[in-house]
């Protein structure tokens, strides 16, 4: 009984202090303190007891314990959800990034820009085909007319050689004959030639204006299409950033489609502008060549008029000498 009384204070103290100690992995075997008083003799020799095996706690991984103990923040939850959705979103975005799908999913303003640029490109190629046909016809007709009147000696003979074919040379010859008819009885040849030259200049300017029809449209398309496409790009990127702020994520699979739609507007603008500039420069060279042919025609009509005037004055002088 004395031994039990002696053990009870120590055991109570250990029980009170046990919750304050840090958790340990091993539980050591507690030994009873040795009492100063002699113990009562044992009635019989007891077998020595084996020490109790230490109880080890199961090891807990540090990362798992940290993850369980750390509170889940909103950023971590959003990052985990984005990481889980990334493969599916990426596959969907890659599957949908085609020109037609980007056009269909674009904003209404970007769609209007794309449609306008596509129409401008269509107009460019329409003007190209029409002007190529027109230039080939008028140049061939004018060269043929110049060859036909090469050996003509008068305005009447030149008109007869040309026939009823309409060309700028026919208009020049008709203006020369009309001026000679209206100036009949006037002895000043210089005045007749000057008035005829003014009529020729008006015909040449009118032909130049006619042949340049559509060139201004090409110049406008070539100059403005890149800026129109840039406007569509800026508008689309602005909408993309607004979508990023609403979704609160910078995942590339979320950002890429909107930026691709915006860049498509710039691409269409360049597709419309580059051919327009090249075609305009080509037709500017062709127009200069054609106007040179028109100037040659004007000179040919002026020479025929001068011959007729000299011939008429020569016949007048011969008749006067005969009288």
Protein backbone atom coordinates (compact mmCIF):
# COMPACT_ATOMS: atom_id res chain seq x y z
CA UNK A 1 0.00 0.00 0.00
CA UNK A 2 2.90 2.32 0.71
CA UNK A 3 4.36 1.65 -2.68
CA UNK A 4 1.05 2.45 -4.36
CA UNK A 5 0.78 5.65 -2.36
CA UNK A 6 4.27 6.57 -3.39
CA UNK A 7 3.53 5.92 -7.07
CA UNK A 8 0.26 7.82 -7.19
CA UNK A 9 1.68 11.38 -6.94
CA UNK A 10 4.25 10.71 -9.67
CA UNK A 11 1.66 9.09 -11.93
CA UNK A 12 -0.78 11.97 -11.43
CA UNK A 13 1.96 14.49 -12.21
CA UNK A 14 2.81 12.66 -15.43
CA UNK A 15 -0.85 12.60 -16.45
CA UNK A 16 -1.21 16.32 -15.90
CA UNK A 17 1.96 17.15 -17.79
CA UNK A 18 1.37 14.73 -20.67
CA UNK A 19 -1.05 16.89 -22.70
CA UNK A 20 1.43 19.82 -22.60
CA UNK A 21 4.23 17.81 -24.23
CA UNK A 22 4.63 17.69 -28.01
CA UNK A 23 3.48 14.50 -29.70
CA UNK A 24 6.26 11.98 -29.98
CA UNK A 25 6.61 9.11 -32.33
CA UNK A 26 7.74 6.59 -29.71
CA UNK A 27 6.18 5.88 -26.34
CA UNK A 28 8.92 4.92 -23.86
CA UNK A 29 8.30 2.39 -21.14
CA UNK A 30 7.79 4.11 -17.82
CA UNK A 31 9.75 2.60 -14.93
CA UNK A 32 8.47 2.78 -11.40
CA UNK A 33 10.54 4.93 -9.08
CA UNK A 34 12.56 3.11 -6.46
CA UNK A 35 11.20 3.68 -2.97
CA UNK A 36 13.50 4.30 -0.02
CA UNK A 37 11.55 1.92 2.19
CA UNK A 38 12.05 -1.78 1.74
CA UNK A 39 9.44 -3.49 -0.28
CA UNK A 40 7.40 -6.30 1.08
CA UNK A 41 8.81 -9.70 0.30
CA UNK A 42 7.21 -11.41 -2.61
CA UNK A 43 5.58 -14.66 -1.75
CA UNK A 44 7.11 -16.35 -4.72
CA UNK A 45 9.60 -15.49 -7.36
CA UNK A 46 7.91 -13.90 -10.28
CA UNK A 47 9.16 -14.28 -13.81
CA UNK A 48 10.90 -11.20 -15.14
CA UNK A 49 8.61 -9.16 -17.31
CA UNK A 50 9.77 -8.18 -20.77
CA UNK A 51 9.74 -4.46 -21.52
CA UNK A 52 6.78 -3.39 -23.58
CA UNK A 53 7.50 -2.78 -27.23
CA UNK A 54 7.59 0.90 -28.05
CA UNK A 55 4.50 2.05 -29.94
CA UNK A 56 5.44 4.06 -33.04
CA UNK A 57 3.02 6.42 -34.65
CA UNK A 58 2.44 6.04 -38.37
CA UNK A 59 4.60 8.57 -40.28
CA UNK A 60 2.57 11.32 -41.91
CA UNK A 61 4.01 12.93 -45.06
CA UNK A 62 4.96 16.51 -44.48
CA UNK A 63 3.47 17.75 -47.75
CA UNK A 64 0.13 16.08 -47.05
CA UNK A 65 0.01 17.48 -43.54
CA UNK A 66 0.91 20.93 -44.86
CA UNK A 67 -1.73 20.75 -47.54
CA UNK A 68 -4.34 19.62 -44.99
CA UNK A 69 -3.35 22.25 -42.47
CA UNK A 70 -2.96 25.15 -44.97
CA UNK A 71 -6.26 26.90 -45.77
CA UNK A 72 -7.41 26.84 -49.41
CA UNK A 73 -7.09 30.37 -50.84
CA UNK A 74 -9.25 31.59 -53.78
CA UNK A 75 -6.17 31.97 -56.01
CA UNK A 76 -5.14 28.39 -55.34
CA UNK A 77 -8.63 27.15 -56.09
CA UNK A 78 -8.77 29.16 -59.36
CA UNK A 79 -5.32 27.94 -60.37
CA UNK A 80 -6.28 24.33 -59.65
CA UNK A 81 -9.50 24.69 -61.63
CA UNK A 82 -7.66 26.33 -64.55
CA UNK A 83 -5.06 23.58 -64.47
CA UNK A 84 -7.78 20.98 -64.58
CA UNK A 85 -9.57 22.65 -67.49
CA UNK A 86 -6.49 23.55 -69.57
CA UNK A 87 -6.22 20.43 -71.73
CA UNK A 88 -9.88 20.48 -72.70
CA UNK A 89 -9.91 24.23 -73.37
CA UNK A 90 -6.72 24.02 -75.41
CA UNK A 91 -8.07 21.23 -77.57
CA UNK A 92 -11.32 23.14 -78.13
CA UNK A 93 -9.48 26.34 -79.02
CA UNK A 94 -7.17 24.56 -81.44
CA UNK A 95 -10.12 22.88 -83.07
CA UNK A 96 -12.05 26.13 -83.46
CA UNK A 97 -9.21 28.43 -84.66
CA UNK A 98 -10.13 28.44 -88.35
CA UNK A 99 -10.83 31.60 -90.42
CA UNK A 100 -14.53 30.87 -90.71
CA UNK A 101 -14.99 30.03 -87.01
CA UNK A 102 -13.04 33.13 -86.01
CA UNK A 103 -15.23 35.25 -88.28
CA UNK A 104 -18.43 33.75 -86.88
CA UNK A 105 -17.34 34.26 -83.25
CA UNK A 106 -16.00 37.81 -83.78
CA UNK A 107 -17.66 40.96 -82.52
CA UNK A 108 -20.23 42.69 -84.75
CA UNK A 109 -17.87 45.63 -85.40
CA UNK A 110 -15.02 43.31 -86.36
CA UNK A 111 -17.40 41.38 -88.61
CA UNK A 112 -18.44 44.60 -90.35
CA UNK A 113 -14.77 45.51 -90.89
CA UNK A 114 -14.00 42.08 -92.34
CA UNK A 115 -17.01 42.19 -94.67
CA UNK A 116 -16.08 45.69 -95.86
CA UNK A 117 -12.48 44.68 -96.54
CA UNK A 118 -13.58 41.55 -98.37
CA UNK A 119 -15.89 43.68 -100.54
CA UNK A 120 -13.02 46.11 -101.20
CA UNK A 121 -10.83 43.21 -102.30
CA UNK A 122 -13.60 42.02 -104.63
CA UNK A 123 -13.89 45.52 -106.12
CA UNK A 124 -10.11 45.64 -106.64
CA UNK A 125 -10.04 42.45 -108.66
CA UNK A 126 -13.17 43.47 -110.58
CA UNK A 127 -11.54 46.76 -111.58
CA UNK A 128 -8.36 44.90 -112.51
CA UNK A 129 -10.16 42.54 -114.86
CA UNK A 130 -12.30 45.30 -116.39
CA UNK A 131 -9.37 47.67 -116.94
CA UNK A 132 -7.19 44.94 -118.43
CA UNK A 133 -9.90 44.17 -120.99
CA UNK A 134 -10.46 47.89 -121.67
CA UNK A 135 -6.77 48.70 -122.13
CA UNK A 136 -6.20 45.74 -124.40
CA UNK A 137 -9.13 46.80 -126.61
CA UNK A 138 -8.40 50.54 -126.86
CA UNK A 139 -4.65 50.11 -127.32
CA UNK A 140 -5.10 47.52 -130.05
CA UNK A 141 -7.74 49.64 -131.79
CA UNK A 142 -5.63 52.82 -131.67
CA UNK A 143 -2.48 51.12 -132.95
CA UNK A 144 -4.45 49.62 -135.81
CA UNK A 145 -5.92 53.03 -136.68
CA UNK A 146 -2.48 54.66 -136.71
CA UNK A 147 -1.22 52.00 -139.09
CA UNK A 148 -4.19 52.56 -141.43
CA UNK A 149 -3.72 56.33 -141.77
CA UNK A 150 0.04 56.13 -142.04
CA UNK A 151 -0.03 56.64 -145.86
CA UNK A 152 -3.10 58.93 -145.99
CA UNK A 153 -2.58 62.33 -147.60
CA UNK A 154 -5.72 64.16 -146.43
CA UNK A 155 -8.30 64.15 -143.71
CA UNK A 156 -10.97 62.74 -146.01
CA UNK A 157 -8.71 59.90 -147.11
CA UNK A 158 -7.83 59.11 -143.49
CA UNK A 159 -11.49 59.00 -142.48
CA UNK A 160 -12.25 56.73 -145.38
CA UNK A 161 -9.41 54.41 -144.33
CA UNK A 162 -10.67 54.21 -140.76
CA UNK A 163 -14.28 53.61 -141.71
CA UNK A 164 -16.97 53.67 -139.05
CA UNK A 165 -14.77 52.22 -136.28
CA UNK A 166 -14.98 54.37 -133.20
CA UNK A 167 -11.65 55.41 -131.72
CA UNK A 168 -10.03 58.51 -130.35
CA UNK A 169 -8.29 59.01 -133.70
CA UNK A 170 -11.64 59.16 -135.46
CA UNK A 171 -12.73 61.87 -133.03
CA UNK A 172 -9.52 63.84 -133.71
CA UNK A 173 -9.97 63.63 -137.48
CA UNK A 174 -13.61 64.70 -137.16
CA UNK A 175 -12.62 67.71 -135.03
CA UNK A 176 -9.97 68.72 -137.59
CA UNK A 177 -12.42 68.53 -140.51
CA UNK A 178 -15.06 70.43 -138.57
CA UNK A 179 -12.63 73.23 -137.79
CA UNK A 180 -11.53 73.40 -141.44
CA UNK A 181 -15.14 73.60 -142.56
CA UNK A 182 -16.02 76.29 -140.02
CA UNK A 183 -12.94 78.32 -140.94
CA UNK A 184 -13.63 78.31 -144.66
CA UNK A 185 -12.84 81.69 -146.23
CA UNK A 186 -10.33 82.61 -143.51
CA UNK A 187 -6.89 83.12 -144.95
CA UNK A 188 -5.00 82.76 -141.65
CA UNK A 189 -3.76 79.18 -141.40
CA UNK A 190 -2.18 79.80 -138.01
CA UNK A 191 -5.56 80.63 -136.51
CA UNK A 192 -7.11 77.47 -137.93
CA UNK A 193 -4.27 75.31 -136.60
CA UNK A 194 -4.45 76.93 -133.17
CA UNK A 195 -8.19 76.38 -132.88
CA UNK A 196 -7.79 72.79 -134.05
CA UNK A 197 -5.02 72.25 -131.46
CA UNK A 198 -7.37 73.46 -128.72
CA UNK A 199 -10.00 70.98 -129.89
CA UNK A 200 -7.39 68.20 -129.91
CA UNK A 201 -6.32 69.06 -126.34
CA UNK A 202 -9.90 68.83 -125.13
CA UNK A 203 -10.33 65.41 -126.77
CA UNK A 204 -7.06 64.15 -125.26
CA UNK A 205 -8.01 65.33 -121.77
CA UNK A 206 -11.43 63.73 -122.05
CA UNK A 207 -9.86 60.46 -123.17
CA UNK A 208 -7.41 60.62 -120.25
CA UNK A 209 -10.25 61.11 -117.77
CA UNK A 210 -12.19 58.25 -119.31
CA UNK A 211 -9.30 55.83 -119.28
CA UNK A 212 -8.48 56.66 -115.63
CA UNK A 213 -11.95 55.65 -114.45
CA UNK A 214 -11.57 53.28 -111.51
CA UNK A 215 -7.98 54.28 -110.76
CA UNK A 216 -9.03 56.55 -107.92
CA UNK A 217 -10.97 53.68 -106.36
CA UNK A 218 -7.84 51.51 -106.43
CA UNK A 219 -5.82 54.28 -104.81
CA UNK A 220 -8.41 54.73 -102.07
CA UNK A 221 -8.55 51.00 -101.30
CA UNK A 222 -4.78 50.70 -101.24
CA UNK A 223 -4.37 53.67 -98.91
CA UNK A 224 -7.19 53.03 -96.43
CA UNK A 225 -7.51 49.24 -96.18
CA UNK A 226 -4.57 48.74 -93.76
CA UNK A 227 -5.97 51.37 -91.39
CA UNK A 228 -9.47 49.92 -91.55
CA UNK A 229 -8.05 46.49 -90.72
CA UNK A 230 -6.03 48.03 -87.88
CA UNK A 231 -9.22 49.54 -86.48
CA UNK A 232 -10.83 46.10 -86.45
CA UNK A 233 -7.76 44.66 -84.73
CA UNK A 234 -7.75 47.32 -82.02
CA UNK A 235 -11.46 46.81 -81.41
CA UNK A 236 -11.08 43.02 -81.18
CA UNK A 237 -8.11 43.19 -78.81
CA UNK A 238 -10.01 45.64 -76.61
CA UNK A 239 -12.87 43.15 -76.37
CA UNK A 240 -10.38 40.38 -75.61
CA UNK A 241 -8.96 42.30 -72.66
CA UNK A 242 -12.45 43.00 -71.42
CA UNK A 243 -13.16 39.25 -71.57
CA UNK A 244 -9.93 38.54 -69.68
CA UNK A 245 -10.94 40.93 -66.91
CA UNK A 246 -14.36 39.29 -66.63
CA UNK A 247 -13.07 35.71 -66.59
CA UNK A 248 -10.21 36.68 -64.22
CA UNK A 249 -7.77 34.33 -65.90
CA UNK A 250 -4.79 34.75 -68.21
CA UNK A 251 -4.90 31.24 -69.59
CA UNK A 252 -3.70 31.21 -73.22
CA UNK A 253 -6.59 29.02 -74.27
CA UNK A 254 -8.98 31.77 -73.13
CA UNK A 255 -7.02 34.72 -74.53
CA UNK A 256 -5.88 33.32 -77.89
CA UNK A 257 -9.22 33.12 -79.79
CA UNK A 258 -10.10 36.78 -79.27
CA UNK A 259 -6.64 37.99 -80.29
CA UNK A 260 -6.67 35.71 -83.35
CA UNK A 261 -10.03 37.14 -84.43
CA UNK A 262 -8.63 40.66 -84.10
CA UNK A 263 -5.51 39.86 -86.11
CA UNK A 264 -7.65 38.33 -88.84
CA UNK A 265 -9.04 41.81 -89.58
CA UNK A 266 -5.52 43.14 -90.17
CA UNK A 267 -4.73 40.20 -92.42
CA UNK A 268 -7.82 40.84 -94.56
CA UNK A 269 -6.91 44.54 -94.71
CA UNK A 270 -3.47 43.69 -96.08
CA UNK A 271 -5.00 41.22 -98.53
CA UNK A 272 -7.16 44.06 -99.87
CA UNK A 273 -4.50 46.79 -99.80
CA UNK A 274 -1.43 45.11 -101.30
CA UNK A 275 -3.06 44.02 -104.60
CA UNK A 276 -4.78 47.41 -104.92
CA UNK A 277 -1.47 49.28 -104.71
CA UNK A 278 0.26 46.93 -107.14
CA UNK A 279 -2.62 47.09 -109.64
CA UNK A 280 -2.79 50.88 -109.37
CA UNK A 281 0.92 51.25 -110.15
CA UNK A 282 0.59 48.86 -113.09
CA UNK A 283 -2.34 50.75 -114.59
CA UNK A 284 -0.56 54.08 -114.05
CA UNK A 285 2.23 52.84 -116.34
CA UNK A 286 -0.24 51.44 -118.86
CA UNK A 287 -2.20 54.73 -118.85
CA UNK A 288 0.94 56.74 -119.61
CA UNK A 289 1.68 54.45 -122.54
CA UNK A 290 -1.85 54.78 -123.86
CA UNK A 291 -1.84 58.57 -123.55
CA UNK A 292 1.37 58.64 -125.57
CA UNK A 293 -0.50 56.83 -128.35
CA UNK A 294 -3.29 59.40 -128.08
CA UNK A 295 -0.73 62.20 -128.40
CA UNK A 296 0.64 60.53 -131.52
CA UNK A 297 -2.88 60.39 -132.92
CA UNK A 298 -3.33 64.09 -132.18
CA UNK A 299 -0.11 64.86 -134.02
CA UNK A 300 -1.19 62.74 -136.98
CA UNK A 301 -4.51 64.61 -137.23
CA UNK A 302 -2.69 67.97 -136.99
CA UNK A 303 -0.34 67.00 -139.84
CA UNK A 304 -3.23 65.97 -142.08
CA UNK A 305 -5.00 69.27 -141.36
CA UNK A 306 -1.85 71.22 -142.20
CA UNK A 307 -1.53 69.36 -145.52
CA UNK A 308 -5.13 70.13 -146.41
CA UNK A 309 -4.65 73.80 -145.61
CA UNK A 310 -1.47 74.04 -147.66
CA UNK A 311 -3.09 72.13 -150.49
CA UNK A 312 -6.12 74.43 -150.49
CA UNK A 313 -3.94 77.53 -150.51
CA UNK A 314 -1.78 76.06 -153.24
CA UNK A 315 -4.81 75.38 -155.42
CA UNK A 316 -6.06 78.90 -154.75
CA UNK A 317 -2.74 80.39 -155.76
CA UNK A 318 -2.64 78.22 -158.89
CA UNK A 319 -6.12 79.32 -159.90
CA UNK A 320 -5.24 82.94 -159.31
CA UNK A 321 -2.09 82.58 -161.41
CA UNK A 322 -4.07 80.91 -164.20
CA UNK A 323 -6.52 83.79 -164.26
